[in-house]
Amino acid sequence: MERNILVVSDKKEEKILRTKTKEFDFASMSKRDITALIERMKKTMRGANGVGLSANQIGLSLRIFVAEVPDGKGGMKFYAVFNPKIEKFSTHKVDFEEGCLSVPGSYGNVRRPETIVLKGYDKNGKALKIKAWGLLARVFQHEMGHLNGELFIDKADHVHEIPLSDRLQKREEKMRT
Protein backbone atom coordinates (compact mmCIF):
# COMPACT_ATOMS: atom_id res chain seq x y z
CA MET A 1 0.00 0.00 0.00
CA GLU A 2 1.35 3.43 -0.92
CA ARG A 3 1.62 5.85 1.99
CA ASN A 4 0.80 9.43 1.04
CA ILE A 5 1.08 11.15 4.43
CA LEU A 6 4.46 11.92 6.00
CA VAL A 7 4.99 10.57 9.52
CA VAL A 8 7.26 11.53 12.40
CA SER A 9 8.58 7.99 12.78
CA ASP A 10 10.62 8.58 9.60
CA LYS A 11 13.39 11.08 10.46
CA LYS A 12 13.56 12.58 6.92
CA GLU A 13 9.80 13.04 6.90
CA GLU A 14 9.82 14.49 10.42
CA LYS A 15 12.30 17.13 9.26
CA ILE A 16 9.85 18.22 6.53
CA LEU A 17 6.96 18.22 9.02
CA ARG A 18 8.95 20.39 11.43
CA THR A 19 9.89 23.03 8.83
CA LYS A 20 7.76 26.16 8.44
CA THR A 21 6.05 26.23 5.05
CA LYS A 22 6.44 28.94 2.39
CA GLU A 23 3.74 31.41 1.37
CA PHE A 24 1.57 30.17 -1.47
CA ASP A 25 2.10 32.16 -4.69
CA PHE A 26 -1.07 32.02 -6.78
CA ALA A 27 0.90 33.07 -9.87
CA SER A 28 3.05 29.91 -9.57
CA MET A 29 0.18 27.54 -10.46
CA SER A 30 -2.65 27.49 -12.96
CA LYS A 31 -6.25 27.36 -11.71
CA ARG A 32 -6.36 23.75 -12.92
CA ASP A 33 -3.24 22.86 -10.89
CA ILE A 34 -4.64 24.59 -7.79
CA THR A 35 -7.89 22.64 -8.14
CA ALA A 36 -5.92 19.40 -8.63
CA LEU A 37 -3.87 20.14 -5.48
CA ILE A 38 -7.03 20.69 -3.43
CA GLU A 39 -8.59 17.50 -4.78
CA ARG A 40 -5.41 15.52 -4.03
CA MET A 41 -5.34 16.84 -0.47
CA LYS A 42 -9.07 16.21 0.03
CA LYS A 43 -8.79 12.64 -1.30
CA THR A 44 -5.73 11.95 0.89
CA MET A 45 -7.42 13.39 4.00
CA ARG A 46 -10.64 11.46 3.43
CA GLY A 47 -8.77 8.26 2.60
CA ALA A 48 -7.07 8.46 5.98
CA ASN A 49 -10.32 9.35 7.81
CA GLY A 50 -8.90 12.75 8.78
CA VAL A 51 -10.61 16.06 9.45
CA GLY A 52 -7.71 18.21 8.26
CA LEU A 53 -4.52 18.01 6.22
CA SER A 54 -1.73 20.50 5.59
CA ALA A 55 0.37 20.60 2.43
CA ASN A 56 3.57 19.72 4.29
CA GLN A 57 1.95 16.47 5.43
CA ILE A 58 2.14 15.37 1.79
CA GLY A 59 5.65 16.78 1.34
CA LEU A 60 4.83 20.23 -0.09
CA SER A 61 6.21 23.40 1.50
CA LEU A 62 3.11 25.45 0.76
CA ARG A 63 0.89 27.41 3.15
CA ILE A 64 -2.37 25.63 2.43
CA PHE A 65 -4.56 23.29 4.42
CA VAL A 66 -7.84 21.52 3.86
CA ALA A 67 -10.41 20.65 6.50
CA GLU A 68 -13.81 19.01 6.61
CA VAL A 69 -16.07 19.07 9.66
CA PRO A 70 -19.78 18.60 10.41
CA ASP A 71 -21.77 21.73 9.51
CA GLY A 72 -24.43 21.43 12.22
CA LYS A 73 -27.14 20.66 9.66
CA GLY A 74 -26.31 16.99 9.25
CA GLY A 75 -23.82 17.58 6.42
CA MET A 76 -20.13 18.28 6.09
CA LYS A 77 -18.43 21.59 5.29
CA PHE A 78 -15.16 21.52 3.32
CA TYR A 79 -12.50 24.24 3.54
CA ALA A 80 -9.36 24.89 1.50
CA VAL A 81 -7.44 27.85 2.95
CA PHE A 82 -4.35 29.40 1.40
CA ASN A 83 -1.86 31.54 3.36
CA PRO A 84 -3.92 31.38 6.56
CA LYS A 85 -3.27 33.56 9.58
CA ILE A 86 -5.09 33.55 12.89
CA GLU A 87 -6.15 37.13 13.53
CA LYS A 88 -7.84 36.69 16.94
CA PHE A 89 -7.89 34.09 19.70
CA SER A 90 -10.42 33.90 22.54
CA THR A 91 -9.00 34.07 26.03
CA HIS A 92 -11.14 31.10 27.05
CA LYS A 93 -9.31 27.84 26.36
CA VAL A 94 -10.57 24.28 26.32
CA ASP A 95 -8.89 20.88 26.58
CA PHE A 96 -9.69 18.22 24.01
CA GLU A 97 -8.05 15.01 22.91
CA GLU A 98 -6.31 15.27 19.54
CA GLY A 99 -4.62 12.87 17.19
CA CYS A 100 -2.77 13.41 13.92
CA LEU A 101 -2.39 11.61 10.63
CA SER A 102 1.37 12.25 10.82
CA VAL A 103 1.60 10.76 14.33
CA PRO A 104 -0.55 7.66 13.84
CA GLY A 105 -1.88 5.98 16.94
CA SER A 106 -0.85 8.76 19.35
CA TYR A 107 -3.37 10.93 21.18
CA GLY A 108 -3.18 13.59 23.85
CA ASN A 109 -5.05 16.45 25.47
CA VAL A 110 -4.30 19.85 23.96
CA ARG A 111 -5.45 23.16 25.45
CA ARG A 112 -6.44 25.64 22.73
CA PRO A 113 -8.49 28.85 22.46
CA GLU A 114 -12.19 28.01 22.07
CA THR A 115 -12.81 30.53 19.28
CA ILE A 116 -10.60 32.11 16.63
CA VAL A 117 -10.84 34.39 13.62
CA LEU A 118 -8.93 33.00 10.66
CA LYS A 119 -7.94 35.05 7.62
CA GLY A 120 -6.64 33.62 4.37
CA TYR A 121 -7.56 33.12 0.73
CA ASP A 122 -9.73 30.72 -1.21
CA LYS A 123 -8.60 28.80 -4.31
CA ASN A 124 -9.23 31.87 -6.49
CA GLY A 125 -7.12 34.19 -4.34
CA LYS A 126 -10.20 35.86 -2.83
CA ALA A 127 -9.79 36.98 0.78
CA LEU A 128 -11.54 34.88 3.46
CA LYS A 129 -12.36 35.68 7.06
CA ILE A 130 -13.84 32.86 9.13
CA LYS A 131 -14.96 33.02 12.75
CA ALA A 132 -14.57 29.49 14.05
CA TRP A 133 -15.41 27.78 17.33
CA GLY A 134 -15.54 24.25 18.65
CA LEU A 135 -14.14 21.51 16.44
CA LEU A 136 -13.60 23.84 13.47
CA ALA A 137 -11.47 26.23 15.56
CA ARG A 138 -9.47 23.28 16.89
CA VAL A 139 -8.87 21.82 13.42
CA PHE A 140 -7.81 25.22 12.04
CA GLN A 141 -5.33 25.69 14.92
CA HIS A 142 -3.98 22.16 14.54
CA GLU A 143 -3.39 22.70 10.80
CA MET A 144 -1.82 26.12 11.41
CA GLY A 145 0.60 24.37 13.74
CA HIS A 146 1.59 22.06 10.87
CA LEU A 147 2.19 25.00 8.55
CA ASN A 148 4.47 26.49 11.23
CA GLY A 149 6.42 23.23 11.64
CA GLU A 150 4.74 22.30 14.93
CA LEU A 151 2.99 19.08 15.93
CA PHE A 152 0.22 18.51 18.45
CA ILE A 153 2.54 16.26 20.48
CA ASP A 154 4.64 19.37 21.20
CA LYS A 155 1.68 20.87 23.10
CA ALA A 156 -0.20 17.80 24.35
CA ASP A 157 -0.48 16.53 27.90
CA HIS A 158 -0.63 12.82 28.59
CA VAL A 159 0.28 11.58 25.11
CA HIS A 160 -0.69 7.93 24.80
CA GLU A 161 -0.86 5.34 22.06
CA ILE A 162 -3.78 3.19 21.01
CA PRO A 163 -2.67 -0.09 19.41
CA LEU A 164 -3.58 -0.57 15.75
CA SER A 165 -5.90 -3.50 16.53
CA ASP A 166 -7.95 -1.31 18.90
CA ARG A 167 -8.05 1.54 16.35
CA LEU A 168 -9.27 -0.82 13.61
CA GLN A 169 -11.94 -2.24 15.91
CA LYS A 170 -13.16 1.29 16.79
CA ARG A 171 -13.17 2.21 13.10
CA GLU A 172 -15.27 -0.86 12.26
CA GLU A 173 -17.71 -0.03 15.08
CA LYS A 174 -17.96 3.58 13.85
CA MET A 175 -18.68 2.39 10.31
CA ARG A 176 -21.53 0.17 11.59
CA THR A 177 -23.28 3.07 13.33
C-alpha atoms as a PDB file:
ATOM      1  CA  MET A   1       0.000   0.000   0.000  1.00  0.00           C
ATOM      2  CA  GLU A   2       1.345   3.433  -0.925  1.00  0.00           C
ATOM      3  CA  ARG A   3       1.625   5.847   1.989  1.00  0.00           C
ATOM      4  CA  ASN A   4       0.798   9.432   1.042  1.00  0.00           C
ATOM      5  CA  ILE A   5       1.077  11.146   4.427  1.00  0.00           C
ATOM      6  CA  LEU A   6       4.457  11.918   6.000  1.00  0.00           C
ATOM      7  CA  VAL A   7       4.991  10.567   9.521  1.00  0.00           C
ATOM      8  CA  VAL A   8       7.256  11.528  12.404  1.00  0.00           C
ATOM      9  CA  SER A   9       8.583   7.986  12.785  1.00  0.00           C
ATOM     10  CA  ASP A  10      10.616   8.582   9.596  1.00  0.00           C
ATOM     11  CA  LYS A  11      13.385  11.082  10.455  1.00  0.00           C
ATOM     12  CA  LYS A  12      13.559  12.581   6.920  1.00  0.00           C
ATOM     13  CA  GLU A  13       9.804  13.043   6.896  1.00  0.00           C
ATOM     14  CA  GLU A  14       9.821  14.489  10.419  1.00  0.00           C
ATOM     15  CA  LYS A  15      12.304  17.133   9.262  1.00  0.00           C
ATOM     16  CA  ILE A  16       9.854  18.216   6.532  1.00  0.00           C
ATOM     17  CA  LEU A  17       6.960  18.221   9.016  1.00  0.00           C
ATOM     18  CA  ARG A  18       8.951  20.390  11.428  1.00  0.00           C
ATOM     19  CA  THR A  19       9.894  23.030   8.826  1.00  0.00           C
ATOM     20  CA  LYS A  20       7.764  26.163   8.437  1.00  0.00           C
ATOM     21  CA  THR A  21       6.050  26.235   5.046  1.00  0.00           C
ATOM     22  CA  LYS A  22       6.440  28.943   2.393  1.00  0.00           C
ATOM     23  CA  GLU A  23       3.741  31.414   1.374  1.00  0.00           C
ATOM     24  CA  PHE A  24       1.567  30.173  -1.468  1.00  0.00           C
ATOM     25  CA  ASP A  25       2.105  32.161  -4.689  1.00  0.00           C
ATOM     26  CA  PHE A  26      -1.071  32.024  -6.780  1.00  0.00           C
ATOM     27  CA  ALA A  27       0.902  33.066  -9.866  1.00  0.00           C
ATOM     28  CA  SER A  28       3.053  29.912  -9.572  1.00  0.00           C
ATOM     29  CA  MET A  29       0.180  27.544 -10.458  1.00  0.00           C
ATOM     30  CA  SER A  30      -2.647  27.488 -12.959  1.00  0.00           C
ATOM     31  CA  LYS A  31      -6.251  27.361 -11.706  1.00  0.00           C
ATOM     32  CA  ARG A  32      -6.361  23.753 -12.924  1.00  0.00           C
ATOM     33  CA  ASP A  33      -3.244  22.861 -10.890  1.00  0.00           C
ATOM     34  CA  ILE A  34      -4.640  24.594  -7.795  1.00  0.00           C
ATOM     35  CA  THR A  35      -7.894  22.637  -8.139  1.00  0.00           C
ATOM     36  CA  ALA A  36      -5.922  19.405  -8.627  1.00  0.00           C
ATOM     37  CA  LEU A  37      -3.872  20.136  -5.479  1.00  0.00           C
ATOM     38  CA  ILE A  38      -7.031  20.688  -3.430  1.00  0.00           C
ATOM     39  CA  GLU A  39      -8.590  17.499  -4.783  1.00  0.00           C
ATOM     40  CA  ARG A  40      -5.413  15.516  -4.028  1.00  0.00           C
ATOM     41  CA  MET A  41      -5.341  16.835  -0.471  1.00  0.00           C
ATOM     42  CA  LYS A  42      -9.071  16.208   0.032  1.00  0.00           C
ATOM     43  CA  LYS A  43      -8.785  12.643  -1.296  1.00  0.00           C
ATOM     44  CA  THR A  44      -5.728  11.954   0.887  1.00  0.00           C
ATOM     45  CA  MET A  45      -7.422  13.393   4.001  1.00  0.00           C
ATOM     46  CA  ARG A  46     -10.643  11.465   3.432  1.00  0.00           C
ATOM     47  CA  GLY A  47      -8.772   8.264   2.595  1.00  0.00           C
ATOM     48  CA  ALA A  48      -7.065   8.461   5.978  1.00  0.00           C
ATOM     49  CA  ASN A  49     -10.320   9.352   7.806  1.00  0.00           C
ATOM     50  CA  GLY A  50      -8.896  12.748   8.777  1.00  0.00           C
ATOM     51  CA  VAL A  51     -10.614  16.056   9.446  1.00  0.00           C
ATOM     52  CA  GLY A  52      -7.711  18.206   8.264  1.00  0.00           C
ATOM     53  CA  LEU A  53      -4.521  18.012   6.216  1.00  0.00           C
ATOM     54  CA  SER A  54      -1.732  20.500   5.591  1.00  0.00           C
ATOM     55  CA  ALA A  55       0.366  20.601   2.431  1.00  0.00           C
ATOM     56  CA  ASN A  56       3.573  19.724   4.291  1.00  0.00           C
ATOM     57  CA  GLN A  57       1.948  16.471   5.433  1.00  0.00           C
ATOM     58  CA  ILE A  58       2.143  15.369   1.791  1.00  0.00           C
ATOM     59  CA  GLY A  59       5.650  16.782   1.342  1.00  0.00           C
ATOM     60  CA  LEU A  60       4.834  20.234  -0.086  1.00  0.00           C
ATOM     61  CA  SER A  61       6.207  23.401   1.501  1.00  0.00           C
ATOM     62  CA  LEU A  62       3.112  25.453   0.760  1.00  0.00           C
ATOM     63  CA  ARG A  63       0.886  27.410   3.153  1.00  0.00           C
ATOM     64  CA  ILE A  64      -2.373  25.632   2.429  1.00  0.00           C
ATOM     65  CA  PHE A  65      -4.563  23.290   4.418  1.00  0.00           C
ATOM     66  CA  VAL A  66      -7.841  21.522   3.856  1.00  0.00           C
ATOM     67  CA  ALA A  67     -10.407  20.654   6.505  1.00  0.00           C
ATOM     68  CA  GLU A  68     -13.811  19.007   6.612  1.00  0.00           C
ATOM     69  CA  VAL A  69     -16.072  19.070   9.657  1.00  0.00           C
ATOM     70  CA  PRO A  70     -19.782  18.599  10.405  1.00  0.00           C
ATOM     71  CA  ASP A  71     -21.767  21.729   9.510  1.00  0.00           C
ATOM     72  CA  GLY A  72     -24.428  21.428  12.223  1.00  0.00           C
ATOM     73  CA  LYS A  73     -27.139  20.663   9.656  1.00  0.00           C
ATOM     74  CA  GLY A  74     -26.307  16.988   9.248  1.00  0.00           C
ATOM     75  CA  GLY A  75     -23.823  17.577   6.419  1.00  0.00           C
ATOM     76  CA  MET A  76     -20.131  18.284   6.092  1.00  0.00           C
ATOM     77  CA  LYS A  77     -18.428  21.591   5.290  1.00  0.00           C
ATOM     78  CA  PHE A  78     -15.158  21.522   3.315  1.00  0.00           C
ATOM     79  CA  TYR A  79     -12.505  24.245   3.545  1.00  0.00           C
ATOM     80  CA  ALA A  80      -9.363  24.895   1.501  1.00  0.00           C
ATOM     81  CA  VAL A  81      -7.444  27.848   2.951  1.00  0.00           C
ATOM     82  CA  PHE A  82      -4.352  29.401   1.400  1.00  0.00           C
ATOM     83  CA  ASN A  83      -1.858  31.544   3.356  1.00  0.00           C
ATOM     84  CA  PRO A  84      -3.921  31.379   6.560  1.00  0.00           C
ATOM     85  CA  LYS A  85      -3.271  33.562   9.585  1.00  0.00           C
ATOM     86  CA  ILE A  86      -5.090  33.550  12.889  1.00  0.00           C
ATOM     87  CA  GLU A  87      -6.155  37.125  13.533  1.00  0.00           C
ATOM     88  CA  LYS A  88      -7.838  36.689  16.937  1.00  0.00           C
ATOM     89  CA  PHE A  89      -7.893  34.090  19.702  1.00  0.00           C
ATOM     90  CA  SER A  90     -10.422  33.899  22.536  1.00  0.00           C
ATOM     91  CA  THR A  91      -9.001  34.075  26.029  1.00  0.00           C
ATOM     92  CA  HIS A  92     -11.143  31.101  27.050  1.00  0.00           C
ATOM     93  CA  LYS A  93      -9.307  27.840  26.361  1.00  0.00           C
ATOM     94  CA  VAL A  94     -10.568  24.279  26.316  1.00  0.00           C
ATOM     95  CA  ASP A  95      -8.888  20.877  26.580  1.00  0.00           C
ATOM     96  CA  PHE A  96      -9.691  18.222  24.012  1.00  0.00           C
ATOM     97  CA  GLU A  97      -8.053  15.010  22.910  1.00  0.00           C
ATOM     98  CA  GLU A  98      -6.307  15.271  19.540  1.00  0.00           C
ATOM     99  CA  GLY A  99      -4.617  12.871  17.191  1.00  0.00           C
ATOM    100  CA  CYS A 100      -2.769  13.414  13.922  1.00  0.00           C
ATOM    101  CA  LEU A 101      -2.393  11.606  10.627  1.00  0.00           C
ATOM    102  CA  SER A 102       1.366  12.249  10.824  1.00  0.00           C
ATOM    103  CA  VAL A 103       1.600  10.762  14.327  1.00  0.00           C
ATOM    104  CA  PRO A 104      -0.551   7.658  13.837  1.00  0.00           C
ATOM    105  CA  GLY A 105      -1.880   5.976  16.940  1.00  0.00           C
ATOM    106  CA  SER A 106      -0.854   8.764  19.350  1.00  0.00           C
ATOM    107  CA  TYR A 107      -3.370  10.934  21.178  1.00  0.00           C
ATOM    108  CA  GLY A 108      -3.176  13.591  23.853  1.00  0.00           C
ATOM    109  CA  ASN A 109      -5.053  16.453  25.465  1.00  0.00           C
ATOM    110  CA  VAL A 110      -4.301  19.849  23.957  1.00  0.00           C
ATOM    111  CA  ARG A 111      -5.451  23.160  25.451  1.00  0.00           C
ATOM    112  CA  ARG A 112      -6.436  25.642  22.727  1.00  0.00           C
ATOM    113  CA  PRO A 113      -8.492  28.846  22.464  1.00  0.00           C
ATOM    114  CA  GLU A 114     -12.186  28.014  22.069  1.00  0.00           C
ATOM    115  CA  THR A 115     -12.812  30.529  19.276  1.00  0.00           C
ATOM    116  CA  ILE A 116     -10.605  32.110  16.628  1.00  0.00           C
ATOM    117  CA  VAL A 117     -10.842  34.390  13.624  1.00  0.00           C
ATOM    118  CA  LEU A 118      -8.926  33.004  10.660  1.00  0.00           C
ATOM    119  CA  LYS A 119      -7.943  35.050   7.620  1.00  0.00           C
ATOM    120  CA  GLY A 120      -6.643  33.617   4.372  1.00  0.00           C
ATOM    121  CA  TYR A 121      -7.559  33.121   0.728  1.00  0.00           C
ATOM    122  CA  ASP A 122      -9.733  30.720  -1.215  1.00  0.00           C
ATOM    123  CA  LYS A 123      -8.597  28.800  -4.313  1.00  0.00           C
ATOM    124  CA  ASN A 124      -9.233  31.873  -6.489  1.00  0.00           C
ATOM    125  CA  GLY A 125      -7.119  34.193  -4.336  1.00  0.00           C
ATOM    126  CA  LYS A 126     -10.199  35.856  -2.826  1.00  0.00           C
ATOM    127  CA  ALA A 127      -9.794  36.976   0.783  1.00  0.00           C
ATOM    128  CA  LEU A 128     -11.537  34.881   3.464  1.00  0.00           C
ATOM    129  CA  LYS A 129     -12.364  35.682   7.056  1.00  0.00           C
ATOM    130  CA  ILE A 130     -13.835  32.859   9.131  1.00  0.00           C
ATOM    131  CA  LYS A 131     -14.962  33.019  12.753  1.00  0.00           C
ATOM    132  CA  ALA A 132     -14.574  29.486  14.053  1.00  0.00           C
ATOM    133  CA  TRP A 133     -15.414  27.779  17.330  1.00  0.00           C
ATOM    134  CA  GLY A 134     -15.544  24.251  18.650  1.00  0.00           C
ATOM    135  CA  LEU A 135     -14.144  21.509  16.440  1.00  0.00           C
ATOM    136  CA  LEU A 136     -13.597  23.842  13.474  1.00  0.00           C
ATOM    137  CA  ALA A 137     -11.468  26.232  15.561  1.00  0.00           C
ATOM    138  CA  ARG A 138      -9.469  23.284  16.891  1.00  0.00           C
ATOM    139  CA  VAL A 139      -8.870  21.821  13.423  1.00  0.00           C
ATOM    140  CA  PHE A 140      -7.805  25.215  12.043  1.00  0.00           C
ATOM    141  CA  GLN A 141      -5.332  25.692  14.923  1.00  0.00           C
ATOM    142  CA  HIS A 142      -3.981  22.161  14.539  1.00  0.00           C
ATOM    143  CA  GLU A 143      -3.390  22.695  10.798  1.00  0.00           C
ATOM    144  CA  MET A 144      -1.822  26.117  11.410  1.00  0.00           C
ATOM    145  CA  GLY A 145       0.600  24.366  13.744  1.00  0.00           C
ATOM    146  CA  HIS A 146       1.586  22.061  10.874  1.00  0.00           C
ATOM    147  CA  LEU A 147       2.194  25.002   8.553  1.00  0.00           C
ATOM    148  CA  ASN A 148       4.470  26.487  11.226  1.00  0.00           C
ATOM    149  CA  GLY A 149       6.417  23.234  11.640  1.00  0.00           C
ATOM    150  CA  GLU A 150       4.743  22.300  14.934  1.00  0.00           C
ATOM    151  CA  LEU A 151       2.986  19.082  15.926  1.00  0.00           C
ATOM    152  CA  PHE A 152       0.220  18.510  18.451  1.00  0.00           C
ATOM    153  CA  ILE A 153       2.541  16.255  20.476  1.00  0.00           C
ATOM    154  CA  ASP A 154       4.638  19.365  21.204  1.00  0.00           C
ATOM    155  CA  LYS A 155       1.677  20.873  23.103  1.00  0.00           C
ATOM    156  CA  ALA A 156      -0.197  17.800  24.353  1.00  0.00           C
ATOM    157  CA  ASP A 157      -0.483  16.533  27.897  1.00  0.00           C
ATOM    158  CA  HIS A 158      -0.629  12.821  28.589  1.00  0.00           C
ATOM    159  CA  VAL A 159       0.282  11.575  25.112  1.00  0.00           C
ATOM    160  CA  HIS A 160      -0.693   7.928  24.800  1.00  0.00           C
ATOM    161  CA  GLU A 161      -0.864   5.342  22.058  1.00  0.00           C
ATOM    162  CA  ILE A 162      -3.780   3.194  21.008  1.00  0.00           C
ATOM    163  CA  PRO A 163      -2.675  -0.087  19.405  1.00  0.00           C
ATOM    164  CA  LEU A 164      -3.584  -0.569  15.746  1.00  0.00           C
ATOM    165  CA  SER A 165      -5.895  -3.503  16.531  1.00  0.00           C
ATOM    166  CA  ASP A 166      -7.952  -1.310  18.898  1.00  0.00           C
ATOM    167  CA  ARG A 167      -8.055   1.537  16.347  1.00  0.00           C
ATOM    168  CA  LEU A 168      -9.269  -0.818  13.611  1.00  0.00           C
ATOM    169  CA  GLN A 169     -11.942  -2.236  15.914  1.00  0.00           C
ATOM    170  CA  LYS A 170     -13.160   1.289  16.787  1.00  0.00           C
ATOM    171  CA  ARG A 171     -13.168   2.214  13.098  1.00  0.00           C
ATOM    172  CA  GLU A 172     -15.273  -0.859  12.257  1.00  0.00           C
ATOM    173  CA  GLU A 173     -17.710  -0.029  15.084  1.00  0.00           C
ATOM    174  CA  LYS A 174     -17.962   3.575  13.852  1.00  0.00           C
ATOM    175  CA  MET A 175     -18.676   2.395  10.310  1.00  0.00           C
ATOM    176  CA  ARG A 176     -21.526   0.166  11.585  1.00  0.00           C
ATOM    177  CA  THR A 177     -23.282   3.071  13.333  1.00  0.00           C
END
